[in-house]
């Protein structure tokens, strides 16, 4: 949850109800990055200011600790369980 200082209205404490934050990290190797960006924009668009960002950066390598494989092979989803928190 977002945390911060208590809010007051005319000297009275006001309870603020905030939505939980989530973060989605996506690493792609064979799907065109532009296609992933356009899909994310279409699906996640809310028309509200400040609700999210898409940050694109290069990933030099990926190495899962459990298998120590590297590169595109390490991104194969059928080899790893999907964990949702």
Protein backbone atom coordinates (compact mmCIF):
# COMPACT_ATOMS: atom_id res chain seq x y z
CA UNK A 1 0.00 0.00 0.00
CA UNK A 2 1.04 3.58 -0.47
CA UNK A 3 2.19 5.10 2.77
CA UNK A 4 2.56 8.70 3.76
CA UNK A 5 1.72 11.36 6.28
CA UNK A 6 -1.77 11.42 7.81
CA UNK A 7 -4.28 13.63 6.03
CA UNK A 8 -6.45 16.16 7.83
CA UNK A 9 -9.55 18.06 6.76
CA UNK A 10 -10.35 21.10 8.93
CA UNK A 11 -8.31 19.63 11.77
CA UNK A 12 -9.99 16.23 11.69
CA UNK A 13 -7.96 13.16 10.66
CA UNK A 14 -9.27 11.67 7.41
CA UNK A 15 -8.77 8.03 6.44
CA UNK A 16 -7.48 7.75 2.90
CA UNK A 17 -8.33 4.58 0.99
CA UNK A 18 -5.61 3.80 -1.52
CA UNK A 19 -5.31 0.94 -3.96
CA UNK A 20 -2.38 -1.46 -3.64
CA UNK A 21 0.53 -0.90 -5.99
CA UNK A 22 1.71 -3.61 -8.34
CA UNK A 23 4.78 -3.91 -10.51
CA UNK A 24 5.01 -5.99 -13.66
CA UNK A 25 8.44 -6.85 -15.05
CA UNK A 26 8.59 -8.34 -18.55
CA UNK A 27 11.70 -9.61 -20.35
CA UNK A 28 11.33 -10.42 -24.05
CA UNK A 29 13.82 -11.92 -26.46
CA UNK A 30 11.97 -13.11 -29.53
CA UNK A 31 8.81 -10.98 -29.50
CA UNK A 32 9.32 -7.50 -31.00
CA UNK A 33 9.58 -4.98 -28.17
CA UNK A 34 7.29 -2.51 -29.97
CA UNK A 35 4.53 -5.14 -30.06
CA UNK A 36 4.85 -5.69 -26.29
CA UNK A 37 4.74 -1.93 -25.65
CA UNK A 38 1.64 -1.41 -27.80
CA UNK A 39 -0.15 -4.35 -26.15
CA UNK A 40 0.70 -3.08 -22.66
CA UNK A 41 -0.52 0.41 -23.54
CA UNK A 42 -3.80 -0.94 -24.90
CA UNK A 43 -4.47 -3.29 -21.97
CA UNK A 44 -3.24 -1.09 -19.09
CA UNK A 45 -4.53 2.33 -20.21
CA UNK A 46 -6.74 3.91 -17.52
CA UNK A 47 -7.07 7.57 -18.55
CA UNK A 48 -5.82 8.60 -15.07
CA UNK A 49 -2.67 10.68 -14.64
CA UNK A 50 0.22 9.10 -12.74
CA UNK A 51 -0.99 5.51 -12.56
CA UNK A 52 1.95 3.88 -14.29
CA UNK A 53 4.93 3.94 -16.55
CA UNK A 54 6.49 1.71 -19.16
CA UNK A 55 10.27 1.69 -18.88
CA UNK A 56 12.29 0.07 -21.66
CA UNK A 57 15.88 -0.97 -21.01
CA UNK A 58 18.36 -3.40 -22.54
CA UNK A 59 19.09 -6.59 -20.61
CA UNK A 60 22.60 -7.86 -21.23
CA UNK A 61 21.95 -11.38 -19.97
CA UNK A 62 19.62 -13.42 -17.78
CA UNK A 63 20.76 -16.32 -15.60
CA UNK A 64 18.24 -18.27 -13.49
CA UNK A 65 19.95 -19.42 -10.31
CA UNK A 66 18.24 -22.82 -10.37
CA UNK A 67 19.59 -23.88 -13.80
CA UNK A 68 22.45 -21.45 -14.53
CA UNK A 69 21.44 -21.39 -18.21
CA UNK A 70 21.96 -18.10 -20.01
CA UNK A 71 20.36 -16.03 -22.73
CA UNK A 72 17.15 -16.84 -24.63
CA UNK A 73 17.07 -20.42 -23.31
CA UNK A 74 16.74 -19.01 -19.77
CA UNK A 75 13.54 -17.17 -20.75
CA UNK A 76 11.59 -20.28 -21.78
CA UNK A 77 8.39 -20.24 -19.68
CA UNK A 78 7.69 -23.97 -19.93
CA UNK A 79 10.79 -24.64 -17.83
CA UNK A 80 9.78 -22.49 -14.84
CA UNK A 81 6.60 -22.23 -12.77
CA UNK A 82 4.79 -18.92 -12.92
CA UNK A 83 4.54 -17.41 -9.45
CA UNK A 84 1.97 -14.70 -8.83
CA UNK A 85 2.20 -12.69 -5.64
